[in-house]
Amino acid sequence: MAVKVIEGLYYTQTDEWLKVEDSVGTVGITDYAQDKLGDIVYLEKTEKGKKVKQTEMLTAIESVKAASDIYAPISGEVIEVNEKVVADSSIINKEPYGEGWIAKIK
């Protein structure tokens, strides 16, 4: 399987990606991670205003194969949550680097 790697993103060893624009980091999981998880069925909603430290658990995700934690690639405060993927987590399988982002941290 060919895995997408997008230029301009930072990647963690735990398969999260980070895109930084104007001091705001958009966080999601990599194409590799979504492929290994299989069909994603649930994303735990992280709360806006939540303070996180780098490498701390940001949220959790469940698929037909497994449950996994998603870790914060940076420290800061969650300023936005992608409500679309909370309502329909399968978007992450279809567009892990686009519409499938999970949260924004500042």
N, C-alpha and C. Protein backbone atom coordinates (compact mmCIF):
# COMPACT_ATOMS: atom_id res chain seq x y z
N MET A 1 0.83 -1.18 0.00
CA MET A 1 0.00 0.00 0.00
C MET A 1 0.87 1.24 0.00
N ALA A 2 0.58 2.17 -0.87
CA ALA A 2 1.29 3.45 -0.90
C ALA A 2 0.65 4.38 0.12
N VAL A 3 1.48 5.03 0.92
CA VAL A 3 0.99 5.93 1.96
C VAL A 3 1.25 7.36 1.52
N LYS A 4 0.26 8.22 1.71
CA LYS A 4 0.40 9.64 1.37
C LYS A 4 1.24 10.34 2.43
N VAL A 5 2.20 11.12 1.98
CA VAL A 5 2.96 12.00 2.85
C VAL A 5 2.83 13.39 2.25
N ILE A 6 2.34 14.32 3.02
CA ILE A 6 2.05 15.66 2.54
C ILE A 6 3.17 16.61 2.96
N GLU A 7 3.72 17.32 1.99
CA GLU A 7 4.76 18.30 2.26
C GLU A 7 4.18 19.44 3.09
N GLY A 8 4.97 19.95 4.03
CA GLY A 8 4.53 21.06 4.86
C GLY A 8 3.87 20.64 6.16
N LEU A 9 3.76 19.33 6.38
CA LEU A 9 3.21 18.83 7.64
C LEU A 9 4.33 18.25 8.49
N TYR A 10 4.14 18.28 9.79
CA TYR A 10 5.03 17.61 10.73
C TYR A 10 4.37 16.29 11.11
N TYR A 11 5.18 15.26 11.32
CA TYR A 11 4.66 13.94 11.65
C TYR A 11 5.26 13.45 12.96
N THR A 12 4.46 12.77 13.78
CA THR A 12 4.94 12.22 15.04
C THR A 12 5.22 10.73 14.88
N GLN A 13 5.95 10.18 15.83
CA GLN A 13 6.22 8.74 15.83
C GLN A 13 4.97 7.93 16.15
N THR A 14 3.96 8.59 16.71
CA THR A 14 2.71 7.91 17.04
C THR A 14 1.63 8.15 15.98
N ASP A 15 2.05 8.60 14.81
CA ASP A 15 1.20 8.73 13.62
C ASP A 15 0.16 9.84 13.66
N GLU A 16 0.47 10.94 14.35
CA GLU A 16 -0.33 12.14 14.21
C GLU A 16 0.39 13.06 13.23
N TRP A 17 -0.37 13.96 12.60
CA TRP A 17 0.26 14.99 11.77
C TRP A 17 -0.13 16.35 12.34
N LEU A 18 0.68 17.36 12.00
CA LEU A 18 0.47 18.71 12.49
C LEU A 18 0.77 19.69 11.37
N LYS A 19 -0.15 20.60 11.16
CA LYS A 19 0.06 21.70 10.21
C LYS A 19 -0.04 22.99 11.00
N VAL A 20 1.00 23.82 10.93
CA VAL A 20 1.03 25.06 11.71
C VAL A 20 0.82 26.25 10.78
N GLU A 21 -0.18 27.07 11.12
CA GLU A 21 -0.46 28.31 10.40
C GLU A 21 -0.84 29.37 11.42
N ASP A 22 -0.13 30.50 11.39
CA ASP A 22 -0.43 31.62 12.29
C ASP A 22 -0.54 31.19 13.76
N SER A 23 0.42 30.44 14.23
CA SER A 23 0.51 29.97 15.62
C SER A 23 -0.60 29.00 16.03
N VAL A 24 -1.32 28.45 15.06
CA VAL A 24 -2.37 27.46 15.33
C VAL A 24 -1.97 26.15 14.67
N GLY A 25 -1.99 25.08 15.45
CA GLY A 25 -1.66 23.76 14.92
C GLY A 25 -2.92 22.95 14.67
N THR A 26 -3.10 22.51 13.43
CA THR A 26 -4.19 21.61 13.10
C THR A 26 -3.66 20.19 13.21
N VAL A 27 -4.42 19.32 13.90
CA VAL A 27 -3.97 17.97 14.22
C VAL A 27 -4.89 16.93 13.58
N GLY A 28 -4.29 15.87 13.08
CA GLY A 28 -5.05 14.74 12.57
C GLY A 28 -4.20 13.49 12.68
N ILE A 29 -4.71 12.38 12.15
CA ILE A 29 -3.90 11.16 12.11
C ILE A 29 -3.45 10.91 10.67
N THR A 30 -2.35 10.21 10.54
CA THR A 30 -1.77 9.98 9.22
C THR A 30 -2.58 8.98 8.41
N ASP A 31 -2.33 9.00 7.12
CA ASP A 31 -2.94 8.04 6.21
C ASP A 31 -2.56 6.62 6.64
N TYR A 32 -1.32 6.44 7.05
CA TYR A 32 -0.85 5.13 7.53
C TYR A 32 -1.69 4.67 8.73
N ALA A 33 -1.91 5.58 9.69
CA ALA A 33 -2.67 5.23 10.89
C ALA A 33 -4.10 4.85 10.56
N GLN A 34 -4.75 5.63 9.71
CA GLN A 34 -6.14 5.31 9.39
C GLN A 34 -6.24 4.00 8.63
N ASP A 35 -5.22 3.70 7.80
CA ASP A 35 -5.21 2.44 7.06
C ASP A 35 -5.05 1.26 8.01
N LYS A 36 -4.15 1.38 8.98
CA LYS A 36 -3.92 0.30 9.94
C LYS A 36 -5.12 0.11 10.87
N LEU A 37 -5.80 1.20 11.23
CA LEU A 37 -6.97 1.09 12.09
C LEU A 37 -8.14 0.42 11.37
N GLY A 38 -8.24 0.64 10.08
CA GLY A 38 -9.40 0.13 9.35
C GLY A 38 -10.56 1.11 9.46
N ASP A 39 -11.76 0.63 9.27
CA ASP A 39 -12.94 1.50 9.29
C ASP A 39 -13.13 2.13 10.66
N ILE A 40 -12.99 3.45 10.71
CA ILE A 40 -13.12 4.18 11.97
C ILE A 40 -14.61 4.37 12.27
N VAL A 41 -14.99 4.02 13.49
CA VAL A 41 -16.41 4.06 13.86
C VAL A 41 -16.72 5.08 14.96
N TYR A 42 -15.68 5.60 15.64
CA TYR A 42 -15.95 6.52 16.75
C TYR A 42 -14.72 7.38 17.03
N LEU A 43 -14.95 8.67 17.22
CA LEU A 43 -13.92 9.59 17.68
C LEU A 43 -14.45 10.27 18.93
N GLU A 44 -13.74 10.11 20.03
CA GLU A 44 -14.14 10.77 21.28
C GLU A 44 -13.95 12.27 21.11
N LYS A 45 -14.97 13.03 21.46
CA LYS A 45 -14.88 14.48 21.31
C LYS A 45 -13.99 15.06 22.40
N THR A 46 -12.97 15.79 21.97
CA THR A 46 -12.15 16.53 22.91
C THR A 46 -12.82 17.88 23.13
N GLU A 47 -12.65 18.45 24.28
CA GLU A 47 -13.36 19.69 24.61
C GLU A 47 -12.58 20.93 24.20
N LYS A 48 -13.28 21.88 23.61
CA LYS A 48 -12.70 23.19 23.32
C LYS A 48 -12.30 23.81 24.66
N GLY A 49 -11.12 24.40 24.71
CA GLY A 49 -10.62 24.99 25.95
C GLY A 49 -9.73 24.05 26.75
N LYS A 50 -9.70 22.77 26.36
CA LYS A 50 -8.85 21.79 27.06
C LYS A 50 -7.39 22.17 26.87
N LYS A 51 -6.63 22.15 27.96
CA LYS A 51 -5.19 22.41 27.89
C LYS A 51 -4.47 21.07 27.78
N VAL A 52 -3.56 20.99 26.82
CA VAL A 52 -2.82 19.75 26.61
C VAL A 52 -1.32 20.04 26.58
N LYS A 53 -0.55 19.03 26.96
CA LYS A 53 0.90 19.10 26.85
C LYS A 53 1.33 18.16 25.75
N GLN A 54 2.42 18.50 25.10
CA GLN A 54 2.95 17.66 24.03
C GLN A 54 3.11 16.23 24.53
N THR A 55 2.70 15.28 23.75
CA THR A 55 2.71 13.82 23.97
C THR A 55 1.62 13.33 24.93
N GLU A 56 0.81 14.24 25.49
CA GLU A 56 -0.33 13.84 26.32
C GLU A 56 -1.47 13.38 25.43
N MET A 57 -2.34 12.54 25.97
CA MET A 57 -3.49 12.09 25.20
C MET A 57 -4.42 13.27 24.89
N LEU A 58 -4.72 13.43 23.63
CA LEU A 58 -5.64 14.47 23.18
C LEU A 58 -7.07 13.93 23.13
N THR A 59 -7.21 12.74 22.56
CA THR A 59 -8.52 12.09 22.42
C THR A 59 -8.31 10.61 22.13
N ALA A 60 -9.39 9.91 21.89
CA ALA A 60 -9.31 8.48 21.56
C ALA A 60 -10.14 8.21 20.31
N ILE A 61 -9.75 7.17 19.60
CA ILE A 61 -10.42 6.80 18.36
C ILE A 61 -10.66 5.29 18.38
N GLU A 62 -11.77 4.88 17.78
CA GLU A 62 -12.08 3.45 17.72
C GLU A 62 -12.40 3.06 16.29
N SER A 63 -11.96 1.86 15.94
CA SER A 63 -12.26 1.31 14.62
C SER A 63 -12.82 -0.10 14.80
N VAL A 64 -13.14 -0.72 13.69
CA VAL A 64 -13.62 -2.10 13.77
C VAL A 64 -12.52 -3.04 14.25
N LYS A 65 -11.26 -2.63 14.13
CA LYS A 65 -10.13 -3.47 14.52
C LYS A 65 -9.58 -3.18 15.91
N ALA A 66 -9.60 -1.89 16.32
CA ALA A 66 -8.88 -1.52 17.54
C ALA A 66 -9.34 -0.17 18.08
N ALA A 67 -8.91 0.12 19.30
CA ALA A 67 -9.07 1.45 19.89
C ALA A 67 -7.66 2.00 20.07
N SER A 68 -7.52 3.30 19.91
CA SER A 68 -6.20 3.90 19.98
C SER A 68 -6.30 5.31 20.54
N ASP A 69 -5.26 5.73 21.24
CA ASP A 69 -5.19 7.10 21.73
C ASP A 69 -4.55 7.98 20.66
N ILE A 70 -4.98 9.23 20.63
CA ILE A 70 -4.37 10.23 19.76
C ILE A 70 -3.69 11.23 20.69
N TYR A 71 -2.42 11.50 20.42
CA TYR A 71 -1.61 12.33 21.31
C TYR A 71 -1.41 13.73 20.73
N ALA A 72 -1.30 14.70 21.61
CA ALA A 72 -1.07 16.08 21.19
C ALA A 72 0.37 16.22 20.70
N PRO A 73 0.55 16.67 19.46
CA PRO A 73 1.91 16.86 18.95
C PRO A 73 2.58 18.13 19.47
N ILE A 74 1.76 19.03 20.05
CA ILE A 74 2.28 20.27 20.63
C ILE A 74 1.51 20.56 21.92
N SER A 75 2.08 21.43 22.74
CA SER A 75 1.38 21.89 23.95
C SER A 75 0.55 23.11 23.60
N GLY A 76 -0.56 23.28 24.31
CA GLY A 76 -1.40 24.45 24.09
C GLY A 76 -2.83 24.20 24.52
N GLU A 77 -3.73 25.01 23.97
CA GLU A 77 -5.15 24.92 24.29
C GLU A 77 -5.92 24.55 23.04
N VAL A 78 -6.86 23.63 23.18
CA VAL A 78 -7.72 23.26 22.06
C VAL A 78 -8.64 24.44 21.79
N ILE A 79 -8.54 25.02 20.59
CA ILE A 79 -9.37 26.18 20.27
C ILE A 79 -10.51 25.83 19.32
N GLU A 80 -10.43 24.67 18.69
CA GLU A 80 -11.50 24.24 17.79
C GLU A 80 -11.49 22.73 17.68
N VAL A 81 -12.68 22.16 17.59
CA VAL A 81 -12.85 20.73 17.42
C VAL A 81 -13.62 20.52 16.12
N ASN A 82 -13.20 19.56 15.32
CA ASN A 82 -13.89 19.28 14.06
C ASN A 82 -15.16 18.48 14.35
N GLU A 83 -16.27 19.20 14.45
CA GLU A 83 -17.56 18.57 14.78
C GLU A 83 -17.99 17.58 13.70
N LYS A 84 -17.57 17.81 12.46
CA LYS A 84 -17.95 16.90 11.37
C LYS A 84 -17.42 15.49 11.61
N VAL A 85 -16.16 15.37 12.05
CA VAL A 85 -15.60 14.04 12.27
C VAL A 85 -16.09 13.41 13.58
N VAL A 86 -16.52 14.24 14.52
CA VAL A 86 -17.14 13.69 15.73
C VAL A 86 -18.48 13.04 15.35
N ALA A 87 -19.23 13.70 14.47
CA ALA A 87 -20.53 13.18 14.02
C ALA A 87 -20.37 12.02 13.04
N ASP A 88 -19.34 12.07 12.19
CA ASP A 88 -19.12 11.03 11.18
C ASP A 88 -17.62 10.75 11.08
N SER A 89 -17.13 9.88 11.96
CA SER A 89 -15.69 9.63 12.04
C SER A 89 -15.13 8.92 10.80
N SER A 90 -15.98 8.38 9.95
CA SER A 90 -15.49 7.73 8.73
C SER A 90 -14.83 8.73 7.77
N ILE A 91 -15.07 10.02 7.98
CA ILE A 91 -14.41 11.06 7.17
C ILE A 91 -12.90 10.92 7.29
N ILE A 92 -12.43 10.51 8.47
CA ILE A 92 -10.98 10.36 8.69
C ILE A 92 -10.40 9.32 7.73
N ASN A 93 -11.13 8.23 7.48
CA ASN A 93 -10.65 7.22 6.53
C ASN A 93 -10.56 7.79 5.11
N LYS A 94 -11.53 8.62 4.76
CA LYS A 94 -11.60 9.14 3.39
C LYS A 94 -10.62 10.29 3.15
N GLU A 95 -10.47 11.17 4.13
CA GLU A 95 -9.67 12.39 3.97
C GLU A 95 -8.84 12.67 5.22
N PRO A 96 -7.86 11.83 5.55
CA PRO A 96 -7.12 12.05 6.81
C PRO A 96 -6.37 13.38 6.87
N TYR A 97 -5.99 13.93 5.71
CA TYR A 97 -5.23 15.18 5.69
C TYR A 97 -6.09 16.39 5.33
N GLY A 98 -7.34 16.18 4.99
CA GLY A 98 -8.20 17.29 4.60
C GLY A 98 -9.32 17.47 5.60
N GLU A 99 -10.52 17.08 5.19
CA GLU A 99 -11.70 17.22 6.04
C GLU A 99 -11.62 16.38 7.31
N GLY A 100 -10.67 15.44 7.37
CA GLY A 100 -10.56 14.54 8.52
C GLY A 100 -9.71 15.05 9.67
N TRP A 101 -9.37 16.34 9.68
CA TRP A 101 -8.60 16.86 10.82
C TRP A 101 -9.43 16.72 12.09
N ILE A 102 -8.76 16.70 13.24
CA ILE A 102 -9.44 16.39 14.50
C ILE A 102 -9.61 17.62 15.40
N ALA A 103 -8.54 18.38 15.59
CA ALA A 103 -8.62 19.53 16.49
C ALA A 103 -7.58 20.57 16.09
N LYS A 104 -7.80 21.79 16.59
CA LYS A 104 -6.82 22.87 16.41
C LYS A 104 -6.35 23.30 17.79
N ILE A 105 -5.03 23.45 17.91
CA ILE A 105 -4.40 23.79 19.19
C ILE A 105 -3.59 25.07 19.01
N LYS A 106 -3.71 25.97 20.00
CA LYS A 106 -2.92 27.21 19.96
C LYS A 106 -2.12 27.32 21.25
